[in-house]
Amino acid sequence: MNIAIVVSEFNNKVTSRMHKVALEKVKYQKPVSLGISGPGMSERQAFARIRPVSERAVEAILKVSEELKRIK
């Protein structure tokens, strides 16, 4: 299970989300990536960035997973 999260605004909720993601990382013993966009962007800008930010977050997970396999 790989986890990628896109957050459109960096605010107080992010800390809570990051904590939950960290707990999932420990629970499943898997690498975690967090894609963050913002702050101060419009709703249109946020929607336009969902896919590219999500893709980069997933790419980061894949790179970390491959590196972990390589060094084990």
N, C-alpha and C. Protein backbone atom coordinates (compact mmCIF):
# COMPACT_ATOMS: atom_id res chain seq x y z
N MET A 1 0.84 -1.18 0.00
CA MET A 1 0.00 0.00 0.00
C MET A 1 0.88 1.23 0.00
N ASN A 2 0.84 2.03 -1.06
CA ASN A 2 1.54 3.30 -1.11
C ASN A 2 0.54 4.42 -0.89
N ILE A 3 0.95 5.46 -0.22
CA ILE A 3 0.05 6.54 0.14
C ILE A 3 0.58 7.84 -0.45
N ALA A 4 -0.23 8.54 -1.19
CA ALA A 4 0.14 9.85 -1.70
C ALA A 4 -1.02 10.79 -1.39
N ILE A 5 -0.70 11.91 -0.83
CA ILE A 5 -1.72 12.87 -0.43
C ILE A 5 -1.42 14.21 -1.08
N VAL A 6 -2.41 14.85 -1.61
CA VAL A 6 -2.26 16.18 -2.15
C VAL A 6 -3.02 17.14 -1.25
N VAL A 7 -2.35 18.16 -0.81
CA VAL A 7 -2.95 19.16 0.06
C VAL A 7 -2.91 20.49 -0.68
N SER A 8 -4.08 21.11 -0.89
CA SER A 8 -4.12 22.34 -1.67
C SER A 8 -3.76 23.58 -0.86
N GLU A 9 -3.94 23.56 0.42
CA GLU A 9 -3.57 24.69 1.28
C GLU A 9 -2.81 24.16 2.48
N PHE A 10 -1.66 24.79 2.76
CA PHE A 10 -0.88 24.39 3.93
C PHE A 10 -1.45 25.16 5.12
N ASN A 11 -2.21 24.46 5.95
CA ASN A 11 -2.86 25.10 7.09
C ASN A 11 -2.79 24.16 8.29
N ASN A 12 -3.55 24.48 9.30
CA ASN A 12 -3.50 23.68 10.53
C ASN A 12 -3.92 22.23 10.31
N LYS A 13 -4.78 21.98 9.35
CA LYS A 13 -5.23 20.62 9.09
C LYS A 13 -4.09 19.75 8.56
N VAL A 14 -3.11 20.37 7.93
CA VAL A 14 -2.00 19.60 7.35
C VAL A 14 -1.24 18.85 8.43
N THR A 15 -1.01 19.49 9.55
CA THR A 15 -0.29 18.83 10.63
C THR A 15 -1.01 17.56 11.06
N SER A 16 -2.31 17.64 11.20
CA SER A 16 -3.10 16.48 11.58
C SER A 16 -3.02 15.40 10.50
N ARG A 17 -3.11 15.80 9.25
CA ARG A 17 -3.04 14.83 8.15
C ARG A 17 -1.66 14.19 8.09
N MET A 18 -0.64 14.98 8.28
CA MET A 18 0.72 14.45 8.23
C MET A 18 0.92 13.43 9.35
N HIS A 19 0.35 13.71 10.51
CA HIS A 19 0.44 12.78 11.63
C HIS A 19 -0.24 11.45 11.28
N LYS A 20 -1.42 11.53 10.68
CA LYS A 20 -2.14 10.32 10.29
C LYS A 20 -1.35 9.53 9.25
N VAL A 21 -0.75 10.24 8.31
CA VAL A 21 0.05 9.57 7.28
C VAL A 21 1.25 8.88 7.92
N ALA A 22 1.89 9.56 8.85
CA ALA A 22 3.05 8.97 9.54
C ALA A 22 2.65 7.70 10.29
N LEU A 23 1.48 7.70 10.91
CA LEU A 23 1.00 6.50 11.60
C LEU A 23 0.75 5.36 10.62
N GLU A 24 0.19 5.67 9.45
CA GLU A 24 -0.02 4.65 8.43
C GLU A 24 1.31 4.10 7.93
N LYS A 25 2.28 4.98 7.79
CA LYS A 25 3.62 4.56 7.35
C LYS A 25 4.17 3.51 8.30
N VAL A 26 4.07 3.77 9.58
CA VAL A 26 4.56 2.84 10.59
C VAL A 26 3.72 1.56 10.58
N LYS A 27 2.43 1.70 10.51
CA LYS A 27 1.52 0.55 10.55
C LYS A 27 1.81 -0.42 9.40
N TYR A 28 1.97 0.12 8.18
CA TYR A 28 2.15 -0.73 7.01
C TYR A 28 3.62 -0.92 6.62
N GLN A 29 4.53 -0.24 7.31
CA GLN A 29 5.97 -0.34 7.01
C GLN A 29 6.24 -0.05 5.53
N LYS A 30 5.65 1.04 5.04
CA LYS A 30 5.80 1.44 3.64
C LYS A 30 6.25 2.90 3.57
N PRO A 31 6.97 3.25 2.51
CA PRO A 31 7.35 4.66 2.35
C PRO A 31 6.12 5.52 2.07
N VAL A 32 6.19 6.76 2.47
CA VAL A 32 5.08 7.70 2.32
C VAL A 32 5.58 8.95 1.63
N SER A 33 4.75 9.51 0.77
CA SER A 33 5.07 10.76 0.09
C SER A 33 3.91 11.72 0.29
N LEU A 34 4.21 12.96 0.46
CA LEU A 34 3.18 13.98 0.68
C LEU A 34 3.38 15.08 -0.34
N GLY A 35 2.43 15.24 -1.24
CA GLY A 35 2.50 16.31 -2.25
C GLY A 35 1.73 17.52 -1.74
N ILE A 36 2.40 18.67 -1.69
CA ILE A 36 1.78 19.88 -1.16
C ILE A 36 1.79 20.97 -2.22
N SER A 37 0.64 21.60 -2.43
CA SER A 37 0.51 22.74 -3.34
C SER A 37 0.05 23.94 -2.53
N GLY A 38 0.52 25.10 -2.89
CA GLY A 38 0.02 26.30 -2.22
C GLY A 38 1.11 26.97 -1.44
N PRO A 39 0.82 27.85 -0.57
CA PRO A 39 -0.49 28.38 -0.17
C PRO A 39 -0.93 29.53 -1.08
N GLY A 40 -2.12 30.00 -0.84
CA GLY A 40 -2.62 31.20 -1.51
C GLY A 40 -3.07 31.02 -2.94
N MET A 41 -3.26 29.80 -3.39
CA MET A 41 -3.69 29.61 -4.76
C MET A 41 -5.21 29.65 -4.84
N SER A 42 -5.69 29.95 -6.03
CA SER A 42 -7.13 29.97 -6.25
C SER A 42 -7.64 28.54 -6.39
N GLU A 43 -8.94 28.38 -6.34
CA GLU A 43 -9.53 27.05 -6.51
C GLU A 43 -9.18 26.50 -7.89
N ARG A 44 -9.20 27.33 -8.90
CA ARG A 44 -8.84 26.90 -10.26
C ARG A 44 -7.40 26.41 -10.31
N GLN A 45 -6.50 27.16 -9.68
CA GLN A 45 -5.09 26.74 -9.64
C GLN A 45 -4.94 25.43 -8.89
N ALA A 46 -5.66 25.28 -7.80
CA ALA A 46 -5.57 24.05 -7.02
C ALA A 46 -6.01 22.85 -7.85
N PHE A 47 -7.14 22.97 -8.54
CA PHE A 47 -7.61 21.86 -9.37
C PHE A 47 -6.63 21.55 -10.50
N ALA A 48 -6.03 22.58 -11.07
CA ALA A 48 -5.07 22.38 -12.16
C ALA A 48 -3.82 21.64 -11.68
N ARG A 49 -3.50 21.75 -10.42
CA ARG A 49 -2.28 21.13 -9.88
C ARG A 49 -2.49 19.75 -9.28
N ILE A 50 -3.72 19.32 -9.16
CA ILE A 50 -3.98 18.02 -8.52
C ILE A 50 -3.21 16.91 -9.20
N ARG A 51 -3.35 16.78 -10.49
CA ARG A 51 -2.71 15.66 -11.19
C ARG A 51 -1.18 15.76 -11.17
N PRO A 52 -0.57 16.89 -11.56
CA PRO A 52 0.90 16.91 -11.56
C PRO A 52 1.52 16.73 -10.18
N VAL A 53 0.92 17.30 -9.15
CA VAL A 53 1.47 17.16 -7.80
C VAL A 53 1.28 15.72 -7.33
N SER A 54 0.13 15.13 -7.64
CA SER A 54 -0.11 13.73 -7.27
C SER A 54 0.88 12.81 -7.97
N GLU A 55 1.10 13.06 -9.25
CA GLU A 55 2.04 12.22 -10.00
C GLU A 55 3.45 12.31 -9.43
N ARG A 56 3.88 13.51 -9.08
CA ARG A 56 5.22 13.65 -8.49
C ARG A 56 5.31 12.95 -7.14
N ALA A 57 4.24 13.00 -6.36
CA ALA A 57 4.24 12.32 -5.06
C ALA A 57 4.35 10.81 -5.25
N VAL A 58 3.63 10.27 -6.22
CA VAL A 58 3.69 8.84 -6.50
C VAL A 58 5.06 8.47 -7.05
N GLU A 59 5.61 9.29 -7.95
CA GLU A 59 6.96 9.04 -8.48
C GLU A 59 7.98 8.99 -7.34
N ALA A 60 7.83 9.86 -6.36
CA ALA A 60 8.75 9.87 -5.22
C ALA A 60 8.65 8.55 -4.45
N ILE A 61 7.44 8.07 -4.25
CA ILE A 61 7.23 6.79 -3.57
C ILE A 61 7.91 5.65 -4.33
N LEU A 62 7.74 5.64 -5.64
CA LEU A 62 8.34 4.58 -6.45
C LEU A 62 9.86 4.61 -6.35
N LYS A 63 10.44 5.80 -6.39
CA LYS A 63 11.89 5.93 -6.28
C LYS A 63 12.38 5.45 -4.91
N VAL A 64 11.69 5.83 -3.86
CA VAL A 64 12.07 5.40 -2.51
C VAL A 64 11.94 3.89 -2.39
N SER A 65 10.84 3.33 -2.91
CA SER A 65 10.64 1.88 -2.84
C SER A 65 11.76 1.13 -3.56
N GLU A 66 12.11 1.60 -4.74
CA GLU A 66 13.19 0.96 -5.49
C GLU A 66 14.53 1.05 -4.76
N GLU A 67 14.79 2.21 -4.17
CA GLU A 67 16.04 2.39 -3.43
C GLU A 67 16.09 1.49 -2.20
N LEU A 68 14.96 1.37 -1.51
CA LEU A 68 14.90 0.49 -0.35
C LEU A 68 15.16 -0.97 -0.74
N LYS A 69 14.58 -1.39 -1.87
CA LYS A 69 14.83 -2.75 -2.35
C LYS A 69 16.30 -2.94 -2.68
N ARG A 70 16.92 -1.92 -3.29
CA ARG A 70 18.30 -2.01 -3.70
C ARG A 70 19.25 -2.15 -2.51
N ILE A 71 18.96 -1.43 -1.43
CA ILE A 71 19.90 -1.43 -0.29
C ILE A 71 19.64 -2.54 0.72
N LYS A 72 18.54 -3.26 0.59
CA LYS A 72 18.25 -4.35 1.54
C LYS A 72 19.04 -5.58 1.23
